[in-house]
Amino acid sequence: MKAYLVTTATLFSLIAVLHAWRMIEERSSLATDPWFLIITLIAAAFAGWGIGLLRRGPTRV
């Protein structure tokens, strides 16, 4: 389970960072597109969620 969390948190972090970078580079078109901004925020939220689960550690059932 830990490998899955590391992989997904890394991928969503990478997506969020690349989207933010692309918005900075293409200020005129992407920064005003609400769908691109929403997708970026969702990717950042999933990345934060995954990192939070990793920091919490294993849970016992």
PDB file of N, CA and C in Angstrom:
ATOM      1  N   MET A   1       0.824  -1.196   0.000  1.00  0.00           N
ATOM      2  CA  MET A   1       0.000   0.000   0.000  1.00  0.00           C
ATOM      3  C   MET A   1       0.868   1.259   0.000  1.00  0.00           C
ATOM      4  N   LYS A   2       2.007   1.191   0.683  1.00  0.00           N
ATOM      5  CA  LYS A   2       2.871   2.361   0.757  1.00  0.00           C
ATOM      6  C   LYS A   2       3.441   2.717  -0.621  1.00  0.00           C
ATOM      7  N   ALA A   3       3.791   1.706  -1.401  1.00  0.00           N
ATOM      8  CA  ALA A   3       4.320   1.969  -2.742  1.00  0.00           C
ATOM      9  C   ALA A   3       3.267   2.648  -3.607  1.00  0.00           C
ATOM     10  N   TYR A   4       2.015   2.237  -3.462  1.00  0.00           N
ATOM     11  CA  TYR A   4       0.927   2.855  -4.214  1.00  0.00           C
ATOM     12  C   TYR A   4       0.774   4.318  -3.825  1.00  0.00           C
ATOM     13  N   LEU A   5       0.806   4.606  -2.524  1.00  0.00           N
ATOM     14  CA  LEU A   5       0.670   5.991  -2.071  1.00  0.00           C
ATOM     15  C   LEU A   5       1.827   6.861  -2.550  1.00  0.00           C
ATOM     16  N   VAL A   6       3.025   6.331  -2.496  1.00  0.00           N
ATOM     17  CA  VAL A   6       4.188   7.090  -2.964  1.00  0.00           C
ATOM     18  C   VAL A   6       4.051   7.382  -4.456  1.00  0.00           C
ATOM     19  N   THR A   7       3.646   6.377  -5.223  1.00  0.00           N
ATOM     20  CA  THR A   7       3.518   6.546  -6.668  1.00  0.00           C
ATOM     21  C   THR A   7       2.444   7.563  -7.021  1.00  0.00           C
ATOM     22  N   THR A   8       1.258   7.428  -6.442  1.00  0.00           N
ATOM     23  CA  THR A   8       0.171   8.340  -6.792  1.00  0.00           C
ATOM     24  C   THR A   8       0.426   9.751  -6.282  1.00  0.00           C
ATOM     25  N   ALA A   9       0.974   9.882  -5.079  1.00  0.00           N
ATOM     26  CA  ALA A   9       1.281  11.217  -4.565  1.00  0.00           C
ATOM     27  C   ALA A   9       2.326  11.902  -5.434  1.00  0.00           C
ATOM     28  N   THR A  10       3.316  11.141  -5.889  1.00  0.00           N
ATOM     29  CA  THR A  10       4.343  11.704  -6.765  1.00  0.00           C
ATOM     30  C   THR A  10       3.759  12.123  -8.109  1.00  0.00           C
ATOM     31  N   LEU A  11       2.920  11.270  -8.682  1.00  0.00           N
ATOM     32  CA  LEU A  11       2.330  11.607  -9.990  1.00  0.00           C
ATOM     33  C   LEU A  11       1.415  12.823  -9.902  1.00  0.00           C
ATOM     34  N   PHE A  12       0.556  12.871  -8.889  1.00  0.00           N
ATOM     35  CA  PHE A  12      -0.333  14.023  -8.760  1.00  0.00           C
ATOM     36  C   PHE A  12       0.457  15.297  -8.442  1.00  0.00           C
ATOM     37  N   SER A  13       1.527  15.182  -7.671  1.00  0.00           N
ATOM     38  CA  SER A  13       2.376  16.355  -7.410  1.00  0.00           C
ATOM     39  C   SER A  13       3.020  16.846  -8.697  1.00  0.00           C
ATOM     40  N   LEU A  14       3.507  15.921  -9.488  1.00  0.00           N
ATOM     41  CA  LEU A  14       4.123  16.284 -10.757  1.00  0.00           C
ATOM     42  C   LEU A  14       3.117  16.949 -11.692  1.00  0.00           C
ATOM     43  N   ILE A  15       1.917  16.417 -11.766  1.00  0.00           N
ATOM     44  CA  ILE A  15       0.872  17.022 -12.606  1.00  0.00           C
ATOM     45  C   ILE A  15       0.564  18.434 -12.134  1.00  0.00           C
ATOM     46  N   ALA A  16       0.406  18.620 -10.821  1.00  0.00           N
ATOM     47  CA  ALA A  16       0.079  19.939 -10.289  1.00  0.00           C
ATOM     48  C   ALA A  16       1.202  20.945 -10.548  1.00  0.00           C
ATOM     49  N   VAL A  17       2.442  20.522 -10.359  1.00  0.00           N
ATOM     50  CA  VAL A  17       3.580  21.424 -10.583  1.00  0.00           C
ATOM     51  C   VAL A  17       3.697  21.782 -12.064  1.00  0.00           C
ATOM     52  N   LEU A  18       3.541  20.797 -12.935  1.00  0.00           N
ATOM     53  CA  LEU A  18       3.633  21.081 -14.366  1.00  0.00           C
ATOM     54  C   LEU A  18       2.491  21.974 -14.842  1.00  0.00           C
ATOM     55  N   HIS A  19       1.295  21.777 -14.301  1.00  0.00           N
ATOM     56  CA  HIS A  19       0.182  22.654 -14.660  1.00  0.00           C
ATOM     57  C   HIS A  19       0.448  24.084 -14.202  1.00  0.00           C
ATOM     58  N   ALA A  20       0.952  24.225 -12.970  1.00  0.00           N
ATOM     59  CA  ALA A  20       1.254  25.574 -12.466  1.00  0.00           C
ATOM     60  C   ALA A  20       2.341  26.230 -13.310  1.00  0.00           C
ATOM     61  N   TRP A  21       3.349  25.457 -13.667  1.00  0.00           N
ATOM     62  CA  TRP A  21       4.425  25.991 -14.502  1.00  0.00           C
ATOM     63  C   TRP A  21       3.888  26.417 -15.862  1.00  0.00           C
ATOM     64  N   ARG A  22       3.023  25.588 -16.441  1.00  0.00           N
ATOM     65  CA  ARG A  22       2.453  25.924 -17.750  1.00  0.00           C
ATOM     66  C   ARG A  22       1.572  27.169 -17.662  1.00  0.00           C
ATOM     67  N   MET A  23       0.846  27.347 -16.552  1.00  0.00           N
ATOM     68  CA  MET A  23       0.034  28.556 -16.387  1.00  0.00           C
ATOM     69  C   MET A  23       0.913  29.792 -16.293  1.00  0.00           C
ATOM     70  N   ILE A  24       2.067  29.654 -15.656  1.00  0.00           N
ATOM     71  CA  ILE A  24       2.984  30.795 -15.559  1.00  0.00           C
ATOM     72  C   ILE A  24       3.557  31.129 -16.930  1.00  0.00           C
ATOM     73  N   GLU A  25       3.929  30.115 -17.692  1.00  0.00           N
ATOM     74  CA  GLU A  25       4.524  30.328 -19.011  1.00  0.00           C
ATOM     75  C   GLU A  25       3.511  30.878 -20.023  1.00  0.00           C
ATOM     76  N   GLU A  26       2.282  30.381 -19.984  1.00  0.00           N
ATOM     77  CA  GLU A  26       1.254  30.805 -20.938  1.00  0.00           C
ATOM     78  C   GLU A  26       0.191  31.618 -20.203  1.00  0.00           C
ATOM     79  N   ARG A  27       0.575  32.732 -19.665  1.00  0.00           N
ATOM     80  CA  ARG A  27      -0.293  33.542 -18.813  1.00  0.00           C
ATOM     81  C   ARG A  27      -1.628  33.898 -19.456  1.00  0.00           C
ATOM     82  N   SER A  28      -1.607  34.267 -20.700  1.00  0.00           N
ATOM     83  CA  SER A  28      -2.810  34.822 -21.307  1.00  0.00           C
ATOM     84  C   SER A  28      -3.934  33.805 -21.481  1.00  0.00           C
ATOM     85  N   SER A  29      -3.611  32.589 -21.875  1.00  0.00           N
ATOM     86  CA  SER A  29      -4.690  31.649 -22.195  1.00  0.00           C
ATOM     87  C   SER A  29      -5.051  30.720 -21.044  1.00  0.00           C
ATOM     88  N   LEU A  30      -4.092  30.092 -20.420  1.00  0.00           N
ATOM     89  CA  LEU A  30      -4.400  29.068 -19.424  1.00  0.00           C
ATOM     90  C   LEU A  30      -4.779  29.629 -18.065  1.00  0.00           C
ATOM     91  N   ALA A  31      -4.237  30.750 -17.698  1.00  0.00           N
ATOM     92  CA  ALA A  31      -4.547  31.316 -16.392  1.00  0.00           C
ATOM     93  C   ALA A  31      -6.000  31.769 -16.312  1.00  0.00           C
ATOM     94  N   THR A  32      -6.623  32.027 -17.444  1.00  0.00           N
ATOM     95  CA  THR A  32      -8.015  32.453 -17.446  1.00  0.00           C
ATOM     96  C   THR A  32      -8.976  31.311 -17.746  1.00  0.00           C
ATOM     97  N   ASP A  33      -8.474  30.135 -18.048  1.00  0.00           N
ATOM     98  CA  ASP A  33      -9.322  28.982 -18.331  1.00  0.00           C
ATOM     99  C   ASP A  33      -9.729  28.329 -17.017  1.00  0.00           C
ATOM    100  N   PRO A  34     -11.013  28.374 -16.648  1.00  0.00           N
ATOM    101  CA  PRO A  34     -11.419  27.841 -15.343  1.00  0.00           C
ATOM    102  C   PRO A  34     -11.245  26.323 -15.231  1.00  0.00           C
ATOM    103  N   TRP A  35     -11.439  25.578 -16.315  1.00  0.00           N
ATOM    104  CA  TRP A  35     -11.292  24.121 -16.248  1.00  0.00           C
ATOM    105  C   TRP A  35      -9.850  23.709 -15.989  1.00  0.00           C
ATOM    106  N   PHE A  36      -8.920  24.403 -16.601  1.00  0.00           N
ATOM    107  CA  PHE A  36      -7.505  24.094 -16.367  1.00  0.00           C
ATOM    108  C   PHE A  36      -7.136  24.376 -14.921  1.00  0.00           C
ATOM    109  N   LEU A  37      -7.649  25.460 -14.388  1.00  0.00           N
ATOM    110  CA  LEU A  37      -7.390  25.809 -12.990  1.00  0.00           C
ATOM    111  C   LEU A  37      -8.023  24.782 -12.050  1.00  0.00           C
ATOM    112  N   ILE A  38      -9.235  24.344 -12.345  1.00  0.00           N
ATOM    113  CA  ILE A  38      -9.916  23.351 -11.508  1.00  0.00           C
ATOM    114  C   ILE A  38      -9.152  22.029 -11.515  1.00  0.00           C
ATOM    115  N   ILE A  39      -8.715  21.596 -12.689  1.00  0.00           N
ATOM    116  CA  ILE A  39      -7.957  20.343 -12.791  1.00  0.00           C
ATOM    117  C   ILE A  39      -6.646  20.452 -12.015  1.00  0.00           C
ATOM    118  N   THR A  40      -6.006  21.602 -12.080  1.00  0.00           N
ATOM    119  CA  THR A  40      -4.763  21.811 -11.341  1.00  0.00           C
ATOM    120  C   THR A  40      -5.006  21.743  -9.835  1.00  0.00           C
ATOM    121  N   LEU A  41      -6.073  22.369  -9.378  1.00  0.00           N
ATOM    122  CA  LEU A  41      -6.385  22.345  -7.947  1.00  0.00           C
ATOM    123  C   LEU A  41      -6.768  20.947  -7.471  1.00  0.00           C
ATOM    124  N   ILE A  42      -7.484  20.192  -8.303  1.00  0.00           N
ATOM    125  CA  ILE A  42      -7.841  18.821  -7.943  1.00  0.00           C
ATOM    126  C   ILE A  42      -6.582  17.954  -7.840  1.00  0.00           C
ATOM    127  N   ALA A  43      -5.665  18.108  -8.793  1.00  0.00           N
ATOM    128  CA  ALA A  43      -4.413  17.343  -8.742  1.00  0.00           C
ATOM    129  C   ALA A  43      -3.616  17.710  -7.496  1.00  0.00           C
ATOM    130  N   ALA A  44      -3.582  18.990  -7.153  1.00  0.00           N
ATOM    131  CA  ALA A  44      -2.866  19.418  -5.951  1.00  0.00           C
ATOM    132  C   ALA A  44      -3.536  18.862  -4.691  1.00  0.00           C
ATOM    133  N   ALA A  45      -4.860  18.817  -4.682  1.00  0.00           N
ATOM    134  CA  ALA A  45      -5.571  18.269  -3.524  1.00  0.00           C
ATOM    135  C   ALA A  45      -5.292  16.781  -3.365  1.00  0.00           C
ATOM    136  N   PHE A  46      -5.309  16.026  -4.469  1.00  0.00           N
ATOM    137  CA  PHE A  46      -4.998  14.602  -4.398  1.00  0.00           C
ATOM    138  C   PHE A  46      -3.552  14.377  -3.947  1.00  0.00           C
ATOM    139  N   ALA A  47      -2.643  15.212  -4.412  1.00  0.00           N
ATOM    140  CA  ALA A  47      -1.250  15.089  -3.995  1.00  0.00           C
ATOM    141  C   ALA A  47      -1.122  15.355  -2.496  1.00  0.00           C
ATOM    142  N   GLY A  48      -1.778  16.394  -2.022  1.00  0.00           N
ATOM    143  CA  GLY A  48      -1.742  16.694  -0.592  1.00  0.00           C
ATOM    144  C   GLY A  48      -2.369  15.604   0.248  1.00  0.00           C
ATOM    145  N   TRP A  49      -3.445  15.026  -0.238  1.00  0.00           N
ATOM    146  CA  TRP A  49      -4.104  13.930   0.458  1.00  0.00           C
ATOM    147  C   TRP A  49      -3.167  12.717   0.548  1.00  0.00           C
ATOM    148  N   GLY A  50      -2.528  12.388  -0.564  1.00  0.00           N
ATOM    149  CA  GLY A  50      -1.602  11.255  -0.571  1.00  0.00           C
ATOM    150  C   GLY A  50      -0.416  11.473   0.353  1.00  0.00           C
ATOM    151  N   ILE A  51       0.124  12.685   0.340  1.00  0.00           N
ATOM    152  CA  ILE A  51       1.251  12.996   1.222  1.00  0.00           C
ATOM    153  C   ILE A  51       0.813  12.947   2.677  1.00  0.00           C
ATOM    154  N   GLY A  52      -0.399  13.427   2.948  1.00  0.00           N
ATOM    155  CA  GLY A  52      -0.921  13.359   4.312  1.00  0.00           C
ATOM    156  C   GLY A  52      -1.088  11.927   4.794  1.00  0.00           C
ATOM    157  N   LEU A  53      -1.584  11.052   3.917  1.00  0.00           N
ATOM    158  CA  LEU A  53      -1.721   9.642   4.281  1.00  0.00           C
ATOM    159  C   LEU A  53      -0.354   8.999   4.518  1.00  0.00           C
ATOM    160  N   LEU A  54       0.624   9.388   3.721  1.00  0.00           N
ATOM    161  CA  LEU A  54       1.970   8.847   3.922  1.00  0.00           C
ATOM    162  C   LEU A  54       2.569   9.309   5.247  1.00  0.00           C
ATOM    163  N   ARG A  55       2.341  10.549   5.598  1.00  0.00           N
ATOM    164  CA  ARG A  55       2.913  11.084   6.839  1.00  0.00           C
ATOM    165  C   ARG A  55       2.248  10.501   8.067  1.00  0.00           C
ATOM    166  N   ARG A  56       0.963  10.141   7.925  1.00  0.00           N
ATOM    167  CA  ARG A  56       0.233   9.574   9.055  1.00  0.00           C
ATOM    168  C   ARG A  56       0.775   8.202   9.446  1.00  0.00           C
ATOM    169  N   GLY A  57       1.264   7.478   8.457  1.00  0.00           N
ATOM    170  CA  GLY A  57       1.848   6.162   8.731  1.00  0.00           C
ATOM    171  C   GLY A  57       0.822   5.055   8.577  1.00  0.00           C
ATOM    172  N   PRO A  58       1.255   3.843   8.848  1.00  0.00           N
ATOM    173  CA  PRO A  58       0.350   2.699   8.664  1.00  0.00           C
ATOM    174  C   PRO A  58      -0.760   2.685   9.713  1.00  0.00           C
ATOM    175  N   THR A  59      -1.916   2.211   9.299  1.00  0.00           N
ATOM    176  CA  THR A  59      -3.035   2.069  10.220  1.00  0.00           C
ATOM    177  C   THR A  59      -3.249   0.585  10.491  1.00  0.00           C
ATOM    178  N   ARG A  60      -3.675   0.297  11.668  1.00  0.00           N
ATOM    179  CA  ARG A  60      -3.925  -1.102  12.044  1.00  0.00           C
ATOM    180  C   ARG A  60      -5.418  -1.364  11.978  1.00  0.00           C
ATOM    181  N   VAL A  61      -5.752  -2.481  11.417  1.00  0.00           N
ATOM    182  CA  VAL A  61      -7.159  -2.840  11.259  1.00  0.00           C
ATOM    183  C   VAL A  61      -7.528  -3.916  12.247  1.00  0.00           C
TER     184      VAL A  61
END
